[in-house]
C-alpha atoms as a PDB file:
ATOM      1  CA  LEU A   1     -22.934   4.213  13.276  1.00  0.00           C
ATOM      2  CA  ASP A   2     -25.738   1.967  11.998  1.00  0.00           C
ATOM      3  CA  MET A   3     -26.348   4.447   9.160  1.00  0.00           C
ATOM      4  CA  LEU A   4     -22.695   5.090   8.298  1.00  0.00           C
ATOM      5  CA  ASP A   5     -22.275   5.346   4.533  1.00  0.00           C
ATOM      6  CA  PHE A   6     -19.277   3.816   2.797  1.00  0.00           C
ATOM      7  CA  GLU A   7     -18.085   3.199  -0.746  1.00  0.00           C
ATOM      8  CA  CYS A   8     -15.809   0.428  -2.024  1.00  0.00           C
ATOM      9  CA  ILE A   9     -13.500   1.465  -4.853  1.00  0.00           C
ATOM     10  CA  ALA A  10     -11.017  -0.614  -6.857  1.00  0.00           C
ATOM     11  CA  VAL A  11      -7.917   1.367  -7.836  1.00  0.00           C
ATOM     12  CA  PHE A  12      -4.807   0.553  -9.894  1.00  0.00           C
ATOM     13  CA  ASP A  13      -7.204  -1.465 -12.046  1.00  0.00           C
ATOM     14  CA  ASP A  14      -7.431  -1.988 -15.811  1.00  0.00           C
ATOM     15  CA  PRO A  15      -9.862  -4.864 -16.398  1.00  0.00           C
ATOM     16  CA  GLU A  16      -9.349  -4.866 -20.181  1.00  0.00           C
ATOM     17  CA  ASN A  17      -5.710  -5.851 -19.587  1.00  0.00           C
ATOM     18  CA  GLY A  18      -6.391  -8.218 -16.709  1.00  0.00           C
ATOM     19  CA  TYR A  19      -5.372  -5.873 -13.857  1.00  0.00           C
ATOM     20  CA  HIS A  20      -7.925  -6.127 -11.070  1.00  0.00           C
ATOM     21  CA  GLY A  21      -6.276  -3.614  -8.757  1.00  0.00           C
ATOM     22  CA  ASN A  22      -6.888  -3.320  -5.040  1.00  0.00           C
ATOM     23  CA  ILE A  23     -10.073  -2.429  -3.173  1.00  0.00           C
ATOM     24  CA  ALA A  24     -10.459   0.154  -0.417  1.00  0.00           C
ATOM     25  CA  ALA A  25     -13.563   1.193   1.456  1.00  0.00           C
ATOM     26  CA  VAL A  26     -13.955   4.960   1.922  1.00  0.00           C
ATOM     27  CA  ILE A  27     -15.943   6.580   4.739  1.00  0.00           C
ATOM     28  CA  VAL A  28     -16.382  10.367   4.976  1.00  0.00           C
ATOM     29  CA  LEU A  29     -17.112  11.314   8.593  1.00  0.00           C
ATOM     30  CA  ASP A  30     -18.693  14.415  10.105  1.00  0.00           C
ATOM     31  CA  GLU A  31     -16.165  14.138  12.941  1.00  0.00           C
ATOM     32  CA  PRO A  32     -13.368  11.722  13.873  1.00  0.00           C
ATOM     33  CA  LEU A  33     -14.200   8.444  15.554  1.00  0.00           C
ATOM     34  CA  THR A  34     -12.189   6.719  18.236  1.00  0.00           C
ATOM     35  CA  GLU A  35      -9.354   4.490  17.072  1.00  0.00           C
ATOM     36  CA  ASP A  36     -11.106   1.410  18.452  1.00  0.00           C
ATOM     37  CA  THR A  37     -14.285   2.262  16.549  1.00  0.00           C
ATOM     38  CA  MET A  38     -12.436   2.763  13.249  1.00  0.00           C
ATOM     39  CA  GLN A  39     -10.614  -0.521  13.751  1.00  0.00           C
ATOM     40  CA  ARG A  40     -13.863  -2.335  14.452  1.00  0.00           C
ATOM     41  CA  ILE A  41     -15.515  -0.884  11.345  1.00  0.00           C
ATOM     42  CA  ALA A  42     -12.515  -1.876   9.202  1.00  0.00           C
ATOM     43  CA  ALA A  43     -12.732  -5.410  10.588  1.00  0.00           C
ATOM     44  CA  ASP A  44     -16.454  -5.563   9.794  1.00  0.00           C
ATOM     45  CA  LEU A  45     -15.946  -4.315   6.225  1.00  0.00           C
ATOM     46  CA  ALA A  46     -13.052  -6.780   5.755  1.00  0.00           C
ATOM     47  CA  GLN A  47     -11.436  -4.899   2.864  1.00  0.00           C
ATOM     48  CA  PRO A  48      -7.658  -4.656   2.354  1.00  0.00           C
ATOM     49  CA  ALA A  49      -7.973  -1.060   3.606  1.00  0.00           C
ATOM     50  CA  THR A  50     -10.668   1.236   4.949  1.00  0.00           C
ATOM     51  CA  THR A  51     -10.018   4.965   4.549  1.00  0.00           C
ATOM     52  CA  PHE A  52     -11.563   7.353   7.082  1.00  0.00           C
ATOM     53  CA  LEU A  53     -11.822  11.033   6.142  1.00  0.00           C
ATOM     54  CA  TRP A  54     -13.033  14.106   7.973  1.00  0.00           C
ATOM     55  CA  SER A  55     -12.758  17.778   7.061  1.00  0.00           C
ATOM     56  CA  ALA A  56      -9.826  19.907   8.168  1.00  0.00           C
ATOM     57  CA  THR A  57     -10.102  23.679   8.564  1.00  0.00           C
ATOM     58  CA  GLU A  58      -8.636  24.466   5.131  1.00  0.00           C
ATOM     59  CA  LYS A  59     -10.809  24.177   2.012  1.00  0.00           C
ATOM     60  CA  ASP A  60     -10.633  20.816   0.179  1.00  0.00           C
ATOM     61  CA  THR A  61      -8.406  19.423   2.931  1.00  0.00           C
ATOM     62  CA  TYR A  62      -9.169  16.311   4.957  1.00  0.00           C
ATOM     63  CA  HIS A  63      -7.649  14.381   7.802  1.00  0.00           C
ATOM     64  CA  VAL A  64      -7.113  10.746   6.851  1.00  0.00           C
ATOM     65  CA  ARG A  65      -6.442   7.450   8.593  1.00  0.00           C
ATOM     66  CA  TRP A  66      -6.304   3.978   7.073  1.00  0.00           C
ATOM     67  CA  PHE A  67      -7.080   0.650   8.730  1.00  0.00           C
ATOM     68  CA  ALA A  68      -6.665  -2.936   7.580  1.00  0.00           C
ATOM     69  CA  PRO A  69      -9.069  -5.417   9.213  1.00  0.00           C
ATOM     70  CA  ASP A  70      -6.543  -6.162  11.950  1.00  0.00           C
ATOM     71  CA  ASP A  71      -4.315  -3.064  12.302  1.00  0.00           C
ATOM     72  CA  GLU A  72      -3.831   0.579  11.373  1.00  0.00           C
ATOM     73  CA  ILE A  73      -1.836   1.313   8.197  1.00  0.00           C
ATOM     74  CA  GLY A  74       0.820   4.019   8.429  1.00  0.00           C
ATOM     75  CA  LEU A  75       0.755   4.923   4.720  1.00  0.00           C
ATOM     76  CA  CYS A  76      -1.773   3.466   2.265  1.00  0.00           C
ATOM     77  CA  GLY A  77      -1.385   4.425  -1.373  1.00  0.00           C
ATOM     78  CA  HIS A  78      -4.406   2.604  -2.747  1.00  0.00           C
ATOM     79  CA  GLY A  79      -6.532   3.887   0.129  1.00  0.00           C
ATOM     80  CA  THR A  80      -5.398   7.414  -0.736  1.00  0.00           C
ATOM     81  CA  LEU A  81      -6.279   7.044  -4.407  1.00  0.00           C
ATOM     82  CA  ALA A  82      -9.672   5.568  -3.496  1.00  0.00           C
ATOM     83  CA  ALA A  83     -10.329   8.613  -1.297  1.00  0.00           C
ATOM     84  CA  VAL A  84      -9.520  11.004  -4.145  1.00  0.00           C
ATOM     85  CA  ALA A  85     -11.795   9.067  -6.509  1.00  0.00           C
ATOM     86  CA  SER A  86     -14.597   9.007  -3.944  1.00  0.00           C
ATOM     87  CA  LEU A  87     -14.388  12.746  -3.232  1.00  0.00           C
ATOM     88  CA  GLY A  88     -14.223  13.433  -6.967  1.00  0.00           C
ATOM     89  CA  ARG A  89     -12.041  16.537  -6.870  1.00  0.00           C
ATOM     90  CA  SER A  90      -8.540  17.787  -6.104  1.00  0.00           C
ATOM     91  CA  VAL A  91      -7.857  17.429  -2.389  1.00  0.00           C
ATOM     92  CA  VAL A  92      -5.113  17.528   0.212  1.00  0.00           C
ATOM     93  CA  LEU A  93      -4.989  14.739   2.784  1.00  0.00           C
ATOM     94  CA  GLN A  94      -3.310  15.214   6.142  1.00  0.00           C
ATOM     95  CA  ALA A  95      -2.055  11.921   7.584  1.00  0.00           C
ATOM     96  CA  LYS A  96       0.053  11.137  10.631  1.00  0.00           C
ATOM     97  CA  SER A  97       2.894  10.289   8.244  1.00  0.00           C
ATOM     98  CA  GLY A  98       2.677  13.583   6.312  1.00  0.00           C
ATOM     99  CA  THR A  99       0.652  15.422   3.680  1.00  0.00           C
ATOM    100  CA  LEU A 100      -0.583  13.799   0.476  1.00  0.00           C
ATOM    101  CA  SER A 101      -2.464  15.244  -2.468  1.00  0.00           C
ATOM    102  CA  GLY A 102      -4.570  13.984  -5.333  1.00  0.00           C
ATOM    103  CA  GLN A 103      -6.663  15.177  -8.214  1.00  0.00           C
ATOM    104  CA  VAL A 104      -9.369  14.010 -10.595  1.00  0.00           C
ATOM    105  CA  VAL A 105      -8.658  14.569 -14.296  1.00  0.00           C
ATOM    106  CA  ASP A 106     -11.528  15.004 -16.774  1.00  0.00           C
ATOM    107  CA  GLY A 107     -13.941  13.723 -14.155  1.00  0.00           C
ATOM    108  CA  SER A 108     -12.885  10.125 -14.726  1.00  0.00           C
ATOM    109  CA  HIS A 109      -9.256   9.476 -13.719  1.00  0.00           C
ATOM    110  CA  ALA A 110      -7.804   9.982 -10.258  1.00  0.00           C
ATOM    111  CA  SER A 111      -4.117  10.521  -9.550  1.00  0.00           C
ATOM    112  CA  MET A 112      -2.090  11.163  -6.413  1.00  0.00           C
ATOM    113  CA  ARG A 113       1.292  12.402  -5.311  1.00  0.00           C
ATOM    114  CA  LEU A 114       3.283  10.476  -2.700  1.00  0.00           C
ATOM    115  CA  ALA A 115       6.606  11.447  -1.184  1.00  0.00           C
ATOM    116  CA  ALA A 116       9.475   9.209  -2.295  1.00  0.00           C
ATOM    117  CA  ILE A 117      10.591   6.638   0.281  1.00  0.00           C
ATOM    118  CA  PRO A 118      14.388   6.422   0.041  1.00  0.00           C
ATOM    119  CA  VAL A 119      16.611   3.463   0.800  1.00  0.00           C
ATOM    120  CA  ILE A 120      18.218   4.035   4.211  1.00  0.00           C
ATOM    121  CA  LYS A 121      21.001   1.485   3.770  1.00  0.00           C
ATOM    122  CA  THR A 122      21.967  -1.790   2.118  1.00  0.00           C
ATOM    123  CA  VAL A 123      22.194  -4.634   4.631  1.00  0.00           C
ATOM    124  CA  GLU A 124      22.306  -8.410   4.801  1.00  0.00           C
ATOM    125  CA  PRO A 125      18.855 -10.080   4.603  1.00  0.00           C
ATOM    126  CA  PRO A 126      17.343 -11.190   7.920  1.00  0.00           C
ATOM    127  CA  GLU A 127      18.273 -14.707   8.914  1.00  0.00           C
ATOM    128  CA  GLY A 128      15.791 -17.196   7.487  1.00  0.00           C
ATOM    129  CA  LEU A 129      14.226 -14.863   4.921  1.00  0.00           C
ATOM    130  CA  GLU A 130      15.800 -16.457   1.850  1.00  0.00           C
ATOM    131  CA  LYS A 131      14.600 -19.897   2.920  1.00  0.00           C
ATOM    132  CA  ALA A 132      11.122 -18.526   3.713  1.00  0.00           C
ATOM    133  CA  LEU A 133      10.852 -16.915   0.275  1.00  0.00           C
ATOM    134  CA  GLY A 134      12.293 -19.960  -1.456  1.00  0.00           C
ATOM    135  CA  VAL A 135      14.348 -17.820  -3.857  1.00  0.00           C
ATOM    136  CA  GLU A 136      17.864 -16.393  -3.936  1.00  0.00           C
ATOM    137  CA  ILE A 137      18.121 -12.817  -2.658  1.00  0.00           C
ATOM    138  CA  LYS A 138      20.353 -10.572  -4.788  1.00  0.00           C
ATOM    139  CA  GLY A 139      20.112  -7.509  -2.542  1.00  0.00           C
ATOM    140  CA  TYR A 140      18.333  -6.301   0.600  1.00  0.00           C
ATOM    141  CA  TYR A 141      17.582  -2.643   1.316  1.00  0.00           C
ATOM    142  CA  LYS A 142      16.143  -1.024   4.448  1.00  0.00           C
ATOM    143  CA  THR A 143      13.553   1.751   4.143  1.00  0.00           C
ATOM    144  CA  ASN A 144      11.313   3.432   6.716  1.00  0.00           C
ATOM    145  CA  ASN A 145       8.351   1.537   5.239  1.00  0.00           C
ATOM    146  CA  LYS A 146       8.630  -1.948   3.721  1.00  0.00           C
ATOM    147  CA  ASP A 147      12.106  -3.347   3.028  1.00  0.00           C
ATOM    148  CA  ILE A 148      13.079  -3.910  -0.609  1.00  0.00           C
ATOM    149  CA  VAL A 149      14.162  -7.427  -1.602  1.00  0.00           C
ATOM    150  CA  LEU A 150      15.838  -7.726  -5.001  1.00  0.00           C
ATOM    151  CA  ILE A 151      15.665 -11.097  -6.758  1.00  0.00           C
ATOM    152  CA  LYS A 152      16.803 -12.459 -10.116  1.00  0.00           C
ATOM    153  CA  ASP A 153      13.991 -12.036 -12.634  1.00  0.00           C
ATOM    154  CA  GLU A 154      10.273 -11.775 -13.311  1.00  0.00           C
ATOM    155  CA  ARG A 155       9.771 -15.508 -13.750  1.00  0.00           C
ATOM    156  CA  THR A 156      11.250 -16.166 -10.303  1.00  0.00           C
ATOM    157  CA  LEU A 157       8.997 -13.503  -8.761  1.00  0.00           C
ATOM    158  CA  VAL A 158       5.831 -14.880 -10.362  1.00  0.00           C
ATOM    159  CA  SER A 159       6.542 -18.470  -9.313  1.00  0.00           C
ATOM    160  CA  MET A 160       7.679 -17.583  -5.755  1.00  0.00           C
ATOM    161  CA  GLN A 161       5.638 -19.338  -3.060  1.00  0.00           C
ATOM    162  CA  PRO A 162       6.504 -17.719   0.290  1.00  0.00           C
ATOM    163  CA  ASP A 163       6.284 -19.604   3.565  1.00  0.00           C
ATOM    164  CA  PHE A 164       4.356 -16.962   5.526  1.00  0.00           C
ATOM    165  CA  ALA A 165       4.515 -18.904   8.790  1.00  0.00           C
ATOM    166  CA  ALA A 166       8.322 -18.820   8.594  1.00  0.00           C
ATOM    167  CA  MET A 167       8.256 -15.140   7.634  1.00  0.00           C
ATOM    168  CA  ARG A 168       6.266 -14.344  10.774  1.00  0.00           C
ATOM    169  CA  GLU A 169       9.259 -15.483  12.812  1.00  0.00           C
ATOM    170  CA  ILE A 170      11.206 -12.500  11.419  1.00  0.00           C
ATOM    171  CA  ASP A 171      10.644  -9.091  13.012  1.00  0.00           C
ATOM    172  CA  VAL A 172      10.063  -7.137   9.784  1.00  0.00           C
ATOM    173  CA  PHE A 173       6.589  -5.774   8.969  1.00  0.00           C
ATOM    174  CA  GLY A 174       6.693  -6.182   5.201  1.00  0.00           C
ATOM    175  CA  TYR A 175       8.699  -6.568   2.014  1.00  0.00           C
ATOM    176  CA  ALA A 176       8.542  -5.206  -1.519  1.00  0.00           C
ATOM    177  CA  VAL A 177      10.058  -8.110  -3.453  1.00  0.00           C
ATOM    178  CA  THR A 178      11.144  -6.918  -6.887  1.00  0.00           C
ATOM    179  CA  ALA A 179      12.957  -7.911 -10.075  1.00  0.00           C
ATOM    180  CA  PRO A 180      13.642  -6.515 -13.550  1.00  0.00           C
ATOM    181  CA  GLY A 181      10.577  -6.807 -15.787  1.00  0.00           C
ATOM    182  CA  ASN A 182      10.414  -8.594 -19.120  1.00  0.00           C
ATOM    183  CA  GLU A 183       8.264  -5.958 -20.815  1.00  0.00           C
ATOM    184  CA  CYS A 184       8.439  -3.158 -18.225  1.00  0.00           C
ATOM    185  CA  ASP A 185      11.101  -1.577 -16.032  1.00  0.00           C
ATOM    186  CA  PHE A 186      10.382  -3.686 -12.954  1.00  0.00           C
ATOM    187  CA  VAL A 187       7.878  -6.039 -11.362  1.00  0.00           C
ATOM    188  CA  SER A 188       7.084  -6.535  -7.682  1.00  0.00           C
ATOM    189  CA  ARG A 189       5.033  -8.331  -5.057  1.00  0.00           C
ATOM    190  CA  THR A 190       4.264  -6.882  -1.625  1.00  0.00           C
ATOM    191  CA  LEU A 191       4.336  -9.371   1.262  1.00  0.00           C
ATOM    192  CA  VAL A 192       2.988  -8.475   4.711  1.00  0.00           C
ATOM    193  CA  PRO A 193       3.241 -11.673   6.775  1.00  0.00           C
ATOM    194  CA  HIS A 194       2.237 -10.160  10.122  1.00  0.00           C
ATOM    195  CA  VAL A 195      -1.283  -9.132   9.056  1.00  0.00           C
ATOM    196  CA  ARG A 196      -4.232 -11.193   7.883  1.00  0.00           C
ATOM    197  CA  GLN A 197      -3.940 -10.313   4.212  1.00  0.00           C
ATOM    198  CA  LEU A 198      -0.372 -11.718   3.805  1.00  0.00           C
ATOM    199  CA  GLU A 199       0.085 -10.351   0.275  1.00  0.00           C
ATOM    200  CA  ASP A 200      -1.161  -6.980  -0.946  1.00  0.00           C
ATOM    201  CA  HIS A 201      -2.536  -6.898  -4.484  1.00  0.00           C
ATOM    202  CA  ALA A 202      -1.342  -3.467  -5.657  1.00  0.00           C
ATOM    203  CA  THR A 203       0.499  -1.183  -3.296  1.00  0.00           C
ATOM    204  CA  GLY A 204       1.143   2.547  -3.651  1.00  0.00           C
ATOM    205  CA  SER A 205       3.491   2.799  -0.677  1.00  0.00           C
ATOM    206  CA  SER A 206       5.708   0.049  -2.137  1.00  0.00           C
ATOM    207  CA  HIS A 207       5.955   1.981  -5.381  1.00  0.00           C
ATOM    208  CA  ALA A 208       6.903   5.133  -3.483  1.00  0.00           C
ATOM    209  CA  ALA A 209      10.059   3.181  -2.565  1.00  0.00           C
ATOM    210  CA  LEU A 210      10.475   1.091  -5.730  1.00  0.00           C
ATOM    211  CA  VAL A 211      10.292   3.956  -8.215  1.00  0.00           C
ATOM    212  CA  PRO A 212      13.314   5.865  -6.799  1.00  0.00           C
ATOM    213  CA  PHE A 213      15.108   2.536  -6.195  1.00  0.00           C
ATOM    214  CA  TRP A 214      14.807   1.490  -9.844  1.00  0.00           C
ATOM    215  CA  TRP A 215      15.355   5.044 -11.094  1.00  0.00           C
ATOM    216  CA  ASP A 216      18.824   4.888  -9.586  1.00  0.00           C
ATOM    217  CA  LYS A 217      19.477   1.474 -11.126  1.00  0.00           C
ATOM    218  CA  LEU A 218      18.136   2.266 -14.596  1.00  0.00           C
END
């Protein structure tokens, strides 16, 4: 493991327009490591996500697992896109949560396909969440990933200053807090109070839920 190669890749980035994206480390393995070893490596690298890949039996197919510094990630969009960019070709990734795919276009742009994450039901927000966020909640929607929290507008979202200590008292892993955009369809922030990072910079799994959510609304 002392000679293990890794690559750090920023995805969802567009520096010319001020979008700095999200960084994932990518490690291509000859064979799978133990869960404890992958978690320790992710903690040492201290990136928002570390993607571990190893070949499956089918051509251009890999097994994949993602780890934050302090826990495994069930579905990591930016870690998936970083893997596609690192491998540099069209691939299929087999995760515990399902199969993902990605491709490289013209040798310079990577894209991926994620399954939509539907809203399971509309419910009342957890007790204490509105106070912890410090903003009025207009709607709360359960999904099998992060819950969607609808608020008033983009200005409210940008200025929101969550109380993460209070949010940790609520037994929900994470939230995609969203509002109508001023110059785009919608804006969002992803909050994950139970892990070290607290807020994720740019999150593919949140968009797998937010895109169908806003499609229905718009």
